[in-house]
Amino acid sequence: MKRDKIIYSLSVEDIMTVIEGEGMRKLTQKELMKVIAEIPENIPWYDCILNSIQNVIKF
């Protein structure tokens, strides 16, 4: 498998689904860009990967 293969991604549609699900108002373009910039800082990607490895492979 290629090392640069994308495993998971989020879309603007995903953000809108959360906004609608939480009953929030529509974001401005500027607010949306700020949210997009913030998302990578809030994803515990290392822990997610480690947990997935540990769930599949018993060491």
N, C-alpha and C. Protein backbone atom coordinates (compact mmCIF):
# COMPACT_ATOMS: atom_id res chain seq x y z
N MET A 1 0.85 -1.17 0.00
CA MET A 1 0.00 0.00 0.00
C MET A 1 0.90 1.24 0.00
N LYS A 2 0.48 2.25 -0.73
CA LYS A 2 1.26 3.49 -0.79
C LYS A 2 1.26 4.18 0.57
N ARG A 3 2.41 4.69 0.96
CA ARG A 3 2.55 5.35 2.27
C ARG A 3 1.76 6.66 2.35
N ASP A 4 1.49 7.30 1.22
CA ASP A 4 0.78 8.58 1.24
C ASP A 4 -0.73 8.43 1.00
N LYS A 5 -1.23 7.20 1.06
CA LYS A 5 -2.67 6.96 0.89
C LYS A 5 -3.44 7.64 2.02
N ILE A 6 -4.46 8.38 1.68
CA ILE A 6 -5.32 9.03 2.67
C ILE A 6 -6.23 7.98 3.28
N ILE A 7 -6.27 7.92 4.60
CA ILE A 7 -7.06 6.92 5.32
C ILE A 7 -8.42 7.47 5.71
N TYR A 8 -8.46 8.72 6.12
CA TYR A 8 -9.70 9.31 6.60
C TYR A 8 -9.65 10.81 6.31
N SER A 9 -10.78 11.36 5.95
CA SER A 9 -10.83 12.80 5.71
C SER A 9 -12.18 13.35 6.17
N LEU A 10 -12.20 14.64 6.41
CA LEU A 10 -13.42 15.35 6.78
C LEU A 10 -13.75 16.35 5.69
N SER A 11 -15.02 16.65 5.55
CA SER A 11 -15.45 17.60 4.54
C SER A 11 -16.21 18.76 5.18
N VAL A 12 -16.42 19.78 4.40
CA VAL A 12 -17.25 20.90 4.86
C VAL A 12 -18.65 20.38 5.18
N GLU A 13 -19.12 19.41 4.41
CA GLU A 13 -20.43 18.80 4.67
C GLU A 13 -20.47 18.21 6.07
N ASP A 14 -19.38 17.58 6.51
CA ASP A 14 -19.32 17.03 7.87
C ASP A 14 -19.47 18.13 8.91
N ILE A 15 -18.81 19.25 8.68
CA ILE A 15 -18.93 20.39 9.60
C ILE A 15 -20.37 20.89 9.64
N MET A 16 -20.98 21.01 8.47
CA MET A 16 -22.36 21.49 8.40
C MET A 16 -23.32 20.52 9.10
N THR A 17 -23.06 19.23 8.99
CA THR A 17 -23.90 18.24 9.66
C THR A 17 -23.84 18.42 11.17
N VAL A 18 -22.65 18.68 11.70
CA VAL A 18 -22.50 18.92 13.14
C VAL A 18 -23.23 20.20 13.55
N ILE A 19 -23.05 21.26 12.77
CA ILE A 19 -23.70 22.54 13.07
C ILE A 19 -25.22 22.36 13.11
N GLU A 20 -25.76 21.70 12.11
CA GLU A 20 -27.21 21.48 12.05
C GLU A 20 -27.68 20.57 13.17
N GLY A 21 -26.91 19.52 13.46
CA GLY A 21 -27.27 18.57 14.51
C GLY A 21 -27.28 19.20 15.89
N GLU A 22 -26.46 20.22 16.07
CA GLU A 22 -26.38 20.91 17.35
C GLU A 22 -27.29 22.13 17.42
N GLY A 23 -28.02 22.38 16.34
CA GLY A 23 -28.95 23.51 16.30
C GLY A 23 -28.26 24.87 16.28
N MET A 24 -27.05 24.91 15.76
CA MET A 24 -26.30 26.17 15.71
C MET A 24 -26.64 26.95 14.45
N ARG A 25 -26.32 28.20 14.48
CA ARG A 25 -26.57 29.05 13.32
C ARG A 25 -25.54 28.77 12.24
N LYS A 26 -25.86 29.14 11.02
CA LYS A 26 -24.94 28.95 9.90
C LYS A 26 -23.70 29.83 10.13
N LEU A 27 -22.53 29.28 9.86
CA LEU A 27 -21.29 30.02 10.03
C LEU A 27 -21.03 30.95 8.85
N THR A 28 -20.35 32.04 9.14
CA THR A 28 -19.88 32.89 8.05
C THR A 28 -18.69 32.19 7.40
N GLN A 29 -18.31 32.64 6.23
CA GLN A 29 -17.15 32.07 5.55
C GLN A 29 -15.90 32.20 6.41
N LYS A 30 -15.74 33.34 7.05
CA LYS A 30 -14.58 33.58 7.91
C LYS A 30 -14.58 32.62 9.11
N GLU A 31 -15.74 32.43 9.73
CA GLU A 31 -15.85 31.49 10.85
C GLU A 31 -15.56 30.07 10.40
N LEU A 32 -16.09 29.69 9.25
CA LEU A 32 -15.86 28.36 8.71
C LEU A 32 -14.38 28.11 8.49
N MET A 33 -13.67 29.08 7.94
CA MET A 33 -12.24 28.94 7.71
C MET A 33 -11.48 28.77 9.03
N LYS A 34 -11.91 29.48 10.06
CA LYS A 34 -11.28 29.35 11.38
C LYS A 34 -11.52 27.96 11.96
N VAL A 35 -12.75 27.45 11.80
CA VAL A 35 -13.07 26.10 12.28
C VAL A 35 -12.21 25.08 11.54
N ILE A 36 -12.11 25.21 10.23
CA ILE A 36 -11.31 24.29 9.43
C ILE A 36 -9.85 24.29 9.89
N ALA A 37 -9.32 25.46 10.18
CA ALA A 37 -7.94 25.57 10.63
C ALA A 37 -7.74 24.94 12.01
N GLU A 38 -8.76 24.95 12.82
CA GLU A 38 -8.71 24.44 14.20
C GLU A 38 -8.82 22.91 14.28
N ILE A 39 -9.52 22.31 13.35
CA ILE A 39 -9.81 20.87 13.42
C ILE A 39 -8.56 20.00 13.56
N PRO A 40 -7.53 20.17 12.76
CA PRO A 40 -6.35 19.30 12.91
C PRO A 40 -5.72 19.36 14.29
N GLU A 41 -5.84 20.49 14.95
CA GLU A 41 -5.27 20.64 16.29
C GLU A 41 -6.07 19.89 17.35
N ASN A 42 -7.28 19.50 17.01
CA ASN A 42 -8.17 18.85 17.98
C ASN A 42 -8.39 17.36 17.73
N ILE A 43 -7.74 16.83 16.72
CA ILE A 43 -7.89 15.40 16.44
C ILE A 43 -6.73 14.66 17.10
N PRO A 44 -7.04 13.79 18.04
CA PRO A 44 -5.97 13.02 18.69
C PRO A 44 -5.53 11.85 17.79
N TRP A 45 -4.94 12.19 16.65
CA TRP A 45 -4.64 11.20 15.62
C TRP A 45 -3.66 10.12 16.11
N TYR A 46 -2.68 10.48 16.91
CA TYR A 46 -1.71 9.49 17.38
C TYR A 46 -2.41 8.43 18.23
N ASP A 47 -3.21 8.89 19.18
CA ASP A 47 -3.94 7.96 20.05
C ASP A 47 -4.91 7.10 19.25
N CYS A 48 -5.57 7.69 18.28
CA CYS A 48 -6.51 6.95 17.43
C CYS A 48 -5.79 5.83 16.69
N ILE A 49 -4.64 6.14 16.12
CA ILE A 49 -3.87 5.12 15.40
C ILE A 49 -3.37 4.05 16.35
N LEU A 50 -2.80 4.45 17.47
CA LEU A 50 -2.28 3.49 18.44
C LEU A 50 -3.40 2.57 18.95
N ASN A 51 -4.54 3.14 19.29
CA ASN A 51 -5.67 2.33 19.77
C ASN A 51 -6.13 1.34 18.72
N SER A 52 -6.17 1.77 17.47
CA SER A 52 -6.59 0.88 16.39
C SER A 52 -5.60 -0.27 16.20
N ILE A 53 -4.32 0.05 16.27
CA ILE A 53 -3.29 -0.99 16.16
C ILE A 53 -3.44 -1.98 17.31
N GLN A 54 -3.59 -1.47 18.52
CA GLN A 54 -3.71 -2.34 19.69
C GLN A 54 -4.98 -3.18 19.67
N ASN A 55 -6.05 -2.69 19.07
CA ASN A 55 -7.29 -3.45 18.96
C ASN A 55 -7.17 -4.59 17.96
N VAL A 56 -6.30 -4.42 16.96
CA VAL A 56 -6.17 -5.42 15.91
C VAL A 56 -5.03 -6.40 16.19
N ILE A 57 -3.93 -5.88 16.69
CA ILE A 57 -2.74 -6.71 16.90
C ILE A 57 -2.48 -6.82 18.40
N LYS A 58 -2.49 -8.03 18.88
CA LYS A 58 -2.22 -8.27 20.30
C LYS A 58 -0.73 -8.48 20.49
N PHE A 59 -0.09 -7.60 21.22
CA PHE A 59 1.36 -7.72 21.48
C PHE A 59 1.62 -8.48 22.74
